[in-house]
Every structure is written in C-alpha cells, then in structure tokens.
N, C-alpha and C. Protein backbone atom coordinates (compact mmCIF):
# COMPACT_ATOMS: atom_id res chain seq x y z
N UNK A 1 215.28 41.85 98.18
CA UNK A 1 215.27 42.27 99.57
C UNK A 1 216.25 43.43 99.73
N UNK A 2 215.79 44.49 100.37
CA UNK A 2 216.65 45.63 100.68
C UNK A 2 216.77 45.72 102.19
N UNK A 3 218.00 45.93 102.68
CA UNK A 3 218.21 45.99 104.12
C UNK A 3 219.18 47.10 104.46
N UNK A 4 218.76 47.99 105.36
CA UNK A 4 219.61 49.07 105.85
C UNK A 4 219.37 49.20 107.34
N UNK A 5 220.46 49.28 108.09
CA UNK A 5 220.41 49.25 109.56
C UNK A 5 219.61 48.01 109.95
N UNK A 6 218.57 48.17 110.77
CA UNK A 6 217.78 46.99 111.17
C UNK A 6 216.43 46.94 110.46
N UNK A 7 216.34 47.66 109.34
CA UNK A 7 215.10 47.68 108.55
C UNK A 7 215.31 46.86 107.28
N UNK A 8 214.37 45.99 107.01
CA UNK A 8 214.43 45.15 105.81
C UNK A 8 213.09 45.26 105.10
N UNK A 9 213.12 45.43 103.78
CA UNK A 9 211.88 45.42 103.02
C UNK A 9 212.02 44.47 101.84
N UNK A 10 210.90 43.89 101.47
CA UNK A 10 210.83 43.02 100.30
C UNK A 10 209.88 43.68 99.31
N UNK A 11 210.42 44.37 98.28
CA UNK A 11 209.57 45.06 97.32
C UNK A 11 208.60 44.14 96.58
N UNK A 12 208.99 42.90 96.39
CA UNK A 12 208.14 41.96 95.65
C UNK A 12 206.87 41.62 96.42
N UNK A 13 207.00 41.36 97.72
CA UNK A 13 205.84 41.00 98.54
C UNK A 13 205.28 42.20 99.30
N UNK A 14 205.99 43.35 99.21
CA UNK A 14 205.60 44.59 99.89
C UNK A 14 205.49 44.40 101.39
N UNK A 15 206.46 43.69 101.96
CA UNK A 15 206.52 43.46 103.40
C UNK A 15 207.75 44.17 103.97
N UNK A 16 207.65 44.55 105.24
CA UNK A 16 208.74 45.26 105.90
C UNK A 16 208.95 44.70 107.31
N UNK A 17 210.20 44.77 107.78
CA UNK A 17 210.55 44.30 109.11
C UNK A 17 211.49 45.28 109.79
N UNK A 18 211.33 45.40 111.09
CA UNK A 18 212.30 46.09 111.93
C UNK A 18 212.86 45.01 112.82
N UNK A 19 214.12 44.68 112.59
CA UNK A 19 214.69 43.52 113.27
C UNK A 19 213.95 42.28 112.80
N UNK A 20 213.41 41.51 113.75
CA UNK A 20 212.65 40.30 113.39
C UNK A 20 211.15 40.54 113.36
N UNK A 21 210.73 41.75 113.77
CA UNK A 21 209.30 42.06 113.84
C UNK A 21 208.80 42.66 112.53
N UNK A 22 207.72 42.09 112.02
CA UNK A 22 207.12 42.64 110.81
C UNK A 22 206.41 43.95 111.14
N UNK A 23 206.55 44.90 110.24
CA UNK A 23 205.91 46.21 110.39
C UNK A 23 204.86 46.33 109.30
N UNK A 24 203.63 46.62 109.69
CA UNK A 24 202.55 46.77 108.73
C UNK A 24 202.53 48.21 108.23
N UNK A 25 202.75 48.38 106.94
CA UNK A 25 202.76 49.69 106.31
C UNK A 25 201.65 49.78 105.28
N UNK A 26 201.04 50.96 105.19
CA UNK A 26 200.06 51.18 104.13
C UNK A 26 200.80 51.20 102.79
N UNK A 27 200.06 51.25 101.72
CA UNK A 27 200.66 51.27 100.37
C UNK A 27 201.60 52.46 100.22
N UNK A 28 201.15 53.66 100.58
CA UNK A 28 201.98 54.86 100.42
C UNK A 28 203.15 54.86 101.40
N UNK A 29 202.93 54.37 102.61
CA UNK A 29 204.03 54.28 103.57
C UNK A 29 205.12 53.36 103.04
N UNK A 30 204.71 52.21 102.50
CA UNK A 30 205.69 51.28 101.94
C UNK A 30 206.42 51.93 100.77
N UNK A 31 205.69 52.59 99.89
CA UNK A 31 206.31 53.24 98.73
C UNK A 31 207.31 54.31 99.17
N UNK A 32 206.97 55.05 100.23
CA UNK A 32 207.87 56.07 100.76
C UNK A 32 209.14 55.44 101.32
N UNK A 33 208.99 54.40 102.13
CA UNK A 33 210.17 53.70 102.68
C UNK A 33 211.00 53.12 101.55
N UNK A 34 210.35 52.51 100.58
CA UNK A 34 211.07 51.90 99.46
C UNK A 34 211.86 52.96 98.68
N UNK A 35 211.23 54.10 98.41
CA UNK A 35 211.91 55.17 97.67
C UNK A 35 213.14 55.67 98.43
N UNK A 36 213.06 55.71 99.75
CA UNK A 36 214.19 56.20 100.56
C UNK A 36 215.26 55.13 100.76
N UNK A 37 214.84 53.91 101.08
CA UNK A 37 215.81 52.86 101.37
C UNK A 37 216.54 52.41 100.10
N UNK A 38 215.87 52.51 98.94
CA UNK A 38 216.52 52.15 97.68
C UNK A 38 217.68 53.09 97.37
N UNK A 39 217.64 54.29 97.93
CA UNK A 39 218.71 55.27 97.72
C UNK A 39 219.36 55.64 99.05
N UNK A 40 219.44 54.68 99.96
CA UNK A 40 220.00 54.92 101.29
C UNK A 40 221.36 55.62 101.19
N UNK A 41 221.52 56.63 102.02
CA UNK A 41 222.75 57.40 102.04
C UNK A 41 222.70 58.63 101.15
N UNK A 42 221.77 58.66 100.21
CA UNK A 42 221.61 59.80 99.30
C UNK A 42 220.44 60.66 99.75
N UNK A 43 220.50 61.93 99.41
CA UNK A 43 219.38 62.83 99.68
C UNK A 43 218.34 62.65 98.57
N UNK A 44 217.10 62.42 98.98
CA UNK A 44 215.99 62.30 98.05
C UNK A 44 215.14 63.55 98.25
N UNK A 45 214.94 64.31 97.19
CA UNK A 45 214.19 65.55 97.30
C UNK A 45 212.69 65.28 97.43
N UNK A 46 212.00 66.28 97.92
CA UNK A 46 210.54 66.17 98.04
C UNK A 46 209.91 66.06 96.65
N UNK A 47 210.48 66.76 95.66
CA UNK A 47 209.98 66.64 94.29
C UNK A 47 210.10 65.20 93.79
N UNK A 48 211.22 64.57 94.06
CA UNK A 48 211.42 63.17 93.64
C UNK A 48 210.42 62.26 94.34
N UNK A 49 210.17 62.50 95.63
CA UNK A 49 209.21 61.68 96.36
C UNK A 49 207.79 61.87 95.82
N UNK A 50 207.42 63.10 95.53
CA UNK A 50 206.09 63.34 94.96
C UNK A 50 205.95 62.64 93.61
N UNK A 51 207.00 62.68 92.81
CA UNK A 51 206.97 62.02 91.51
C UNK A 51 206.93 60.51 91.65
N UNK A 52 207.80 59.95 92.49
CA UNK A 52 207.97 58.50 92.56
C UNK A 52 206.93 57.79 93.45
N UNK A 53 206.46 58.46 94.49
CA UNK A 53 205.53 57.83 95.43
C UNK A 53 204.08 58.22 95.12
N UNK A 54 203.86 59.51 94.85
CA UNK A 54 202.50 59.98 94.60
C UNK A 54 202.21 60.14 93.11
N UNK A 55 203.20 59.89 92.27
CA UNK A 55 203.06 59.92 90.81
C UNK A 55 202.48 61.23 90.29
N UNK A 56 203.00 62.33 90.83
CA UNK A 56 202.58 63.64 90.38
C UNK A 56 203.77 64.60 90.44
N UNK A 57 203.74 65.60 89.62
CA UNK A 57 204.77 66.63 89.68
C UNK A 57 204.15 67.94 90.14
N UNK A 58 202.84 67.93 90.37
CA UNK A 58 202.14 69.12 90.81
C UNK A 58 201.73 68.94 92.27
N UNK A 59 202.22 69.83 93.11
CA UNK A 59 201.80 69.81 94.50
C UNK A 59 202.03 71.19 95.09
N UNK A 60 201.19 71.53 96.04
CA UNK A 60 201.27 72.86 96.62
C UNK A 60 201.82 72.86 98.04
N UNK A 61 201.86 71.70 98.67
CA UNK A 61 202.32 71.62 100.04
C UNK A 61 203.04 70.29 100.27
N UNK A 62 204.05 70.34 101.12
CA UNK A 62 204.77 69.10 101.45
C UNK A 62 204.12 68.41 102.65
N UNK A 63 202.96 68.89 103.08
CA UNK A 63 202.27 68.32 104.23
C UNK A 63 201.98 66.83 104.03
N UNK A 64 201.65 66.44 102.82
CA UNK A 64 201.39 65.03 102.52
C UNK A 64 202.59 64.18 102.88
N UNK A 65 203.76 64.61 102.45
CA UNK A 65 204.98 63.86 102.75
C UNK A 65 205.22 63.85 104.25
N UNK A 66 205.07 65.01 104.90
CA UNK A 66 205.32 65.12 106.34
C UNK A 66 204.41 64.20 107.15
N UNK A 67 203.14 64.14 106.79
CA UNK A 67 202.19 63.29 107.51
C UNK A 67 202.58 61.82 107.36
N UNK A 68 202.82 61.39 106.13
CA UNK A 68 203.20 59.99 105.90
C UNK A 68 204.54 59.67 106.57
N UNK A 69 205.46 60.62 106.51
CA UNK A 69 206.76 60.42 107.15
C UNK A 69 206.60 60.24 108.66
N UNK A 70 205.71 61.01 109.26
CA UNK A 70 205.45 60.86 110.70
C UNK A 70 204.94 59.49 111.04
N UNK A 71 204.00 59.00 110.23
CA UNK A 71 203.47 57.64 110.45
C UNK A 71 204.57 56.59 110.30
N UNK A 72 205.39 56.73 109.26
CA UNK A 72 206.48 55.77 109.01
C UNK A 72 207.47 55.79 110.16
N UNK A 73 207.87 56.98 110.58
CA UNK A 73 208.83 57.08 111.69
C UNK A 73 208.29 56.39 112.95
N UNK A 74 207.02 56.62 113.26
CA UNK A 74 206.44 55.97 114.45
C UNK A 74 206.47 54.44 114.31
N UNK A 75 206.07 53.95 113.15
CA UNK A 75 206.02 52.50 112.95
C UNK A 75 207.41 51.86 112.97
N UNK A 76 208.42 52.61 112.52
CA UNK A 76 209.79 52.07 112.50
C UNK A 76 210.56 52.39 113.78
N UNK A 77 209.92 53.10 114.72
CA UNK A 77 210.58 53.43 115.97
C UNK A 77 211.65 54.49 115.82
N UNK A 78 211.45 55.41 114.89
CA UNK A 78 212.42 56.48 114.62
C UNK A 78 211.90 57.78 115.23
N UNK A 79 212.58 58.29 116.24
CA UNK A 79 212.18 59.51 116.93
C UNK A 79 212.42 60.72 116.03
N UNK A 80 211.36 61.46 115.72
CA UNK A 80 211.50 62.59 114.81
C UNK A 80 212.38 63.70 115.38
N UNK A 81 212.52 63.75 116.72
CA UNK A 81 213.39 64.76 117.33
C UNK A 81 214.86 64.36 117.26
N UNK A 82 215.12 63.07 117.22
CA UNK A 82 216.49 62.54 117.12
C UNK A 82 216.47 61.32 116.20
N UNK A 83 216.21 61.56 114.92
CA UNK A 83 216.07 60.42 114.00
C UNK A 83 217.40 59.69 113.77
N UNK A 84 217.31 58.39 113.71
CA UNK A 84 218.48 57.58 113.39
C UNK A 84 218.30 56.82 112.08
N UNK A 85 217.07 56.81 111.56
CA UNK A 85 216.80 56.12 110.29
C UNK A 85 216.62 57.12 109.15
N UNK A 86 215.61 57.97 109.27
CA UNK A 86 215.28 58.92 108.21
C UNK A 86 215.53 60.33 108.74
N UNK A 87 216.49 61.01 108.15
CA UNK A 87 216.78 62.37 108.59
C UNK A 87 216.33 63.37 107.53
N UNK A 88 215.92 64.53 108.03
CA UNK A 88 215.54 65.63 107.17
C UNK A 88 216.76 66.50 106.94
N UNK A 89 217.10 66.72 105.70
CA UNK A 89 218.21 67.59 105.34
C UNK A 89 217.58 68.92 104.93
N UNK A 90 217.65 69.87 105.83
CA UNK A 90 216.94 71.15 105.66
C UNK A 90 217.24 71.79 104.30
N UNK A 91 216.16 72.11 103.59
CA UNK A 91 216.29 72.76 102.29
C UNK A 91 216.66 71.83 101.15
N UNK A 92 216.87 70.54 101.44
CA UNK A 92 217.29 69.58 100.41
C UNK A 92 216.31 68.43 100.23
N UNK A 93 215.99 67.73 101.33
CA UNK A 93 215.12 66.57 101.23
C UNK A 93 215.28 65.64 102.40
N UNK A 94 215.17 64.35 102.15
CA UNK A 94 215.25 63.32 103.18
C UNK A 94 216.33 62.32 102.82
N UNK A 95 216.90 61.69 103.86
CA UNK A 95 217.92 60.67 103.62
C UNK A 95 217.69 59.51 104.59
N UNK A 96 217.68 58.29 104.04
CA UNK A 96 217.66 57.10 104.88
C UNK A 96 219.11 56.81 105.24
N UNK A 97 219.43 56.90 106.51
CA UNK A 97 220.81 56.78 106.97
C UNK A 97 221.29 55.33 106.88
N UNK A 98 222.50 55.15 106.38
CA UNK A 98 223.05 53.80 106.26
C UNK A 98 223.63 53.28 107.57
N UNK A 99 223.99 54.20 108.46
CA UNK A 99 224.55 53.83 109.77
C UNK A 99 223.84 54.62 110.86
N UNK A 100 223.67 54.02 112.04
CA UNK A 100 223.09 54.80 113.14
C UNK A 100 224.08 55.89 113.55
N UNK A 101 223.59 56.98 114.16
CA UNK A 101 224.50 58.04 114.58
C UNK A 101 225.43 57.57 115.68
N UNK A 102 226.61 58.12 115.70
CA UNK A 102 227.56 57.80 116.77
C UNK A 102 227.31 58.73 117.93
N UNK A 103 227.48 58.22 119.11
CA UNK A 103 227.23 59.03 120.32
C UNK A 103 228.44 59.79 120.72
C-alpha cells in the first residue's frame, strides 16, 4: 500500500482511494498514478513516464501524458490550475507532492 496526502493505492489489487472513497482508474491512469506516487516528492520526467507507463522510448508528443494526467487530476479532485497533488515542473516533468501547499 502506498499513501501520500489523502491518496492511497494498492499496487497488488490495482485499487485507489481518495480519503475513504474508492476512485476507479483505468489501467494507464493507475500506472501513471503509481509511477508518480512511488516517487512522491521527486520529479519524474516525461521520458521516464513514457518508458515506465507506456513501455516505449519513442514518442513524438507529450499529449498522451497530458490527456491521461487531466483525467487523473479530475478523478482525484486535483485542480489543474492550482494543483495540490500532481504539479508540473516546467521543463522538467511531474511531481506528486508529499504535502499540500501552504496558504
């Protein structure tokens, strides 16, 4: 079981929760969340995500990641304009935040 902030995932059963509510994720959505939450606090590059989630090193656009990330953010209640779970580090990659932002 991996848990960061109020998100918990079970890689063995491929289930995810936000708080006490189960969140239904597709296979790729779960793999994306797992890849990020397993390295929470670290920047994960788009190349690493393509390799680890989509099992390829050849890609021409990051649109695939962006689309799946949008779906994941919506399902986890993470506002893309003010993300508190998954932040985009411009020019570097994505990071699953270990703590919510301070106001």
